[in-house]
Protein backbone atom coordinates (compact mmCIF):
# COMPACT_ATOMS: atom_id res chain seq x y z
CA MET A 1 -1.65 20.20 11.05
CA THR A 2 0.94 19.61 8.78
CA THR A 3 0.58 17.87 5.48
CA ALA A 4 2.42 16.65 2.32
CA PHE A 5 1.62 20.24 0.67
CA ASP A 6 3.60 21.99 3.16
CA PHE A 7 7.11 20.72 2.08
CA THR A 8 9.63 21.59 -0.57
CA ALA A 9 11.49 18.98 -2.89
CA LYS A 10 14.35 19.15 -5.73
CA ASP A 11 12.76 18.53 -9.09
CA ILE A 12 14.97 16.36 -11.37
CA THR A 13 16.75 19.21 -12.57
CA GLY A 14 17.39 20.26 -9.22
CA THR A 15 15.01 23.31 -8.85
CA GLN A 16 13.34 23.44 -5.72
CA GLN A 17 9.83 22.96 -5.88
CA ASP A 18 7.08 24.12 -3.05
CA LEU A 19 4.75 21.15 -2.91
CA ALA A 20 1.83 23.66 -1.95
CA GLN A 21 1.94 24.50 -5.63
CA TYR A 22 -0.13 21.01 -5.79
CA LYS A 23 -2.96 22.05 -3.21
CA GLY A 24 -6.69 20.58 -3.77
CA LYS A 25 -4.89 17.92 -5.94
CA ALA A 26 -4.24 14.10 -4.61
CA LEU A 27 -0.71 12.96 -4.76
CA LEU A 28 0.55 9.91 -5.70
CA ILE A 29 3.86 10.01 -4.02
CA VAL A 30 6.55 7.17 -4.92
CA ASN A 31 10.06 5.88 -4.59
CA THR A 32 11.40 4.70 -7.49
CA ALA A 33 14.24 2.85 -8.99
CA SER A 34 15.32 2.17 -12.62
CA LYS A 35 17.04 -1.33 -12.09
CA CYS A 36 14.41 -2.83 -9.92
CA GLY A 37 12.06 -5.91 -10.30
CA PHE A 38 9.19 -3.59 -9.64
CA THR A 39 10.32 -0.59 -12.42
CA PRO A 40 7.79 -1.98 -15.32
CA GLN A 41 5.45 0.15 -12.51
CA TYR A 42 6.25 3.21 -14.30
CA GLU A 43 4.33 2.35 -17.08
CA GLY A 44 1.19 1.71 -14.56
CA LEU A 45 1.91 5.10 -13.15
CA GLN A 46 1.98 6.81 -16.05
CA LYS A 47 -1.60 5.21 -16.84
CA LEU A 48 -2.97 6.52 -13.85
CA TYR A 49 -1.34 9.77 -14.42
CA ASP A 50 -2.91 10.15 -17.92
CA GLN A 51 -6.16 8.56 -16.87
CA TYR A 52 -6.70 10.79 -13.79
CA HIS A 53 -4.51 14.31 -13.95
CA GLU A 54 -7.49 16.23 -15.66
CA LYS A 55 -9.44 15.02 -12.53
CA GLY A 56 -6.96 16.64 -10.04
CA LEU A 57 -4.05 13.23 -9.54
CA GLU A 58 -0.10 14.51 -9.87
CA VAL A 59 2.00 11.42 -9.80
CA LEU A 60 5.22 12.49 -8.10
CA GLY A 61 8.42 10.20 -8.95
CA PHE A 62 11.37 10.22 -6.37
CA PRO A 63 14.24 7.92 -7.32
CA CYS A 64 15.82 6.56 -4.16
CA ASN A 65 19.03 4.01 -4.48
CA GLN A 66 18.55 2.58 -0.72
CA PHE A 67 17.33 -0.74 -1.74
CA GLY A 68 20.13 -2.97 -3.84
CA GLN A 69 21.79 0.33 -5.09
CA GLN A 70 18.84 -0.14 -7.82
CA GLU A 71 19.23 3.54 -9.02
CA PRO A 72 22.58 4.29 -9.39
CA GLY A 73 22.52 6.90 -12.18
CA ASP A 74 22.91 10.54 -11.94
CA ALA A 75 19.50 13.00 -12.68
CA ALA A 76 20.02 13.17 -16.30
CA GLU A 77 20.35 9.20 -16.61
CA ILE A 78 17.12 8.89 -14.59
CA ALA A 79 15.50 11.35 -16.47
CA SER A 80 16.68 9.77 -19.82
CA PHE A 81 15.64 6.39 -18.51
CA CYS A 82 12.13 7.27 -17.66
CA ASP A 83 11.28 9.43 -20.60
CA LEU A 84 13.00 6.78 -23.28
CA THR A 85 11.87 3.34 -21.36
CA TYR A 86 8.56 4.38 -19.99
CA SER A 87 7.54 7.69 -22.02
CA VAL A 88 7.04 9.36 -18.31
CA ASN A 89 5.57 12.96 -18.28
CA PHE A 90 4.59 13.04 -14.39
CA PRO A 91 7.05 14.99 -12.19
CA MET A 92 9.95 13.71 -11.52
CA PHE A 93 12.03 14.75 -8.56
CA ALA A 94 15.91 14.16 -7.26
CA LYS A 95 17.10 11.24 -6.10
CA VAL A 96 16.36 10.71 -2.10
CA ASP A 97 16.86 8.41 0.79
CA VAL A 98 13.56 7.35 2.19
CA ASN A 99 15.29 5.79 5.44
CA GLY A 100 17.98 6.35 8.05
CA GLU A 101 19.56 9.67 9.12
CA SER A 102 19.29 11.52 5.63
CA THR A 103 15.77 10.82 4.92
CA ALA A 104 13.55 13.38 3.33
CA PRO A 105 11.61 15.56 5.33
CA LEU A 106 8.56 14.47 2.97
CA PHE A 107 9.32 11.20 3.64
CA GLU A 108 9.75 11.10 7.26
CA HIS A 109 5.81 13.06 7.29
CA LEU A 110 4.88 10.52 5.07
CA LYS A 111 6.13 7.75 7.11
CA LYS A 112 4.92 8.87 10.18
CA ALA A 113 1.18 10.02 8.68
CA ALA A 114 1.10 5.94 7.39
CA PRO A 115 2.86 3.82 9.01
CA GLY A 116 3.40 0.11 7.18
CA LEU A 117 2.28 -3.19 8.56
CA LEU A 118 2.45 -3.71 11.96
CA GLY A 119 2.81 0.15 12.36
CA SER A 120 6.53 0.12 10.75
CA GLU A 121 7.33 3.19 9.85
CA ALA A 122 10.33 1.99 7.54
CA VAL A 123 10.08 1.89 3.65
CA LYS A 124 10.71 -1.59 2.79
CA TRP A 125 11.56 -1.32 -0.76
CA ASN A 126 11.15 0.40 -4.23
CA PHE A 127 7.95 1.26 -5.25
CA THR A 128 6.37 2.01 -1.94
CA LYS A 129 3.37 4.45 -2.90
CA PHE A 130 1.74 6.66 -0.67
CA LEU A 131 -1.47 8.58 -1.67
CA VAL A 132 -2.38 11.86 -0.59
CA SER A 133 -6.06 13.15 -0.42
CA PRO A 134 -6.67 16.65 -1.04
CA ASP A 135 -6.85 17.39 2.94
CA GLY A 136 -3.71 15.76 3.54
CA THR A 137 -5.12 12.33 4.90
CA VAL A 138 -2.31 9.55 3.71
CA GLN A 139 -2.70 6.03 2.38
CA ARG A 140 0.54 3.68 2.11
CA PHE A 141 0.21 0.96 -0.47
CA SER A 142 3.04 -1.51 -1.04
CA PRO A 143 5.83 -2.28 -3.78
CA GLN A 144 3.43 -5.56 -4.80
CA ASP A 145 0.50 -3.32 -5.07
CA ALA A 146 0.32 -2.78 -9.07
CA PRO A 147 -0.92 1.15 -9.47
CA ALA A 148 -3.82 -0.21 -11.31
CA SER A 149 -4.68 -1.59 -8.30
CA LEU A 150 -4.81 1.98 -6.81
CA ALA A 151 -7.34 3.26 -8.94
CA LYS A 152 -10.59 2.93 -6.65
CA ASP A 153 -8.81 4.58 -3.83
CA ILE A 154 -8.06 7.40 -6.04
CA GLU A 155 -11.25 7.80 -7.41
CA LYS A 156 -12.25 7.85 -3.78
CA VAL A 157 -9.83 10.96 -2.54
CA LEU A 158 -10.55 12.80 -5.99
CA GLY A 159 -14.29 12.44 -4.93
């Protein structure tokens, strides 16, 4: 069975990362944007990372410019914004597409593993969240779901 841990992705510096390095951990994978109404969720994502990282949670941010062109910056601008505005220190990755012909393979997998409302696979907006358990099971959460509201689900997958 294919899981999120079977994929690779470029980090924010352009270095290819093997997600197998996170095997045995829980992943919270989020498509992010710097100029979105949900952008303040970076603060909540960082709090989850701070609270659960030692217990086995990795938060992985994937900037995406597909929704209202709300992530127009290049990698350096995105990294600087995340650091200076929200003190983000969880792993950030290179900008990706989460829908359409150029969808990143990881997001193709996540969308199939955890369809949205009425079985729709499309990611509807920035800050859609995918919680991957250590065994590879995927849950999807909407942009409206505040990061703090995921705490019980995170605790459950961390055991």
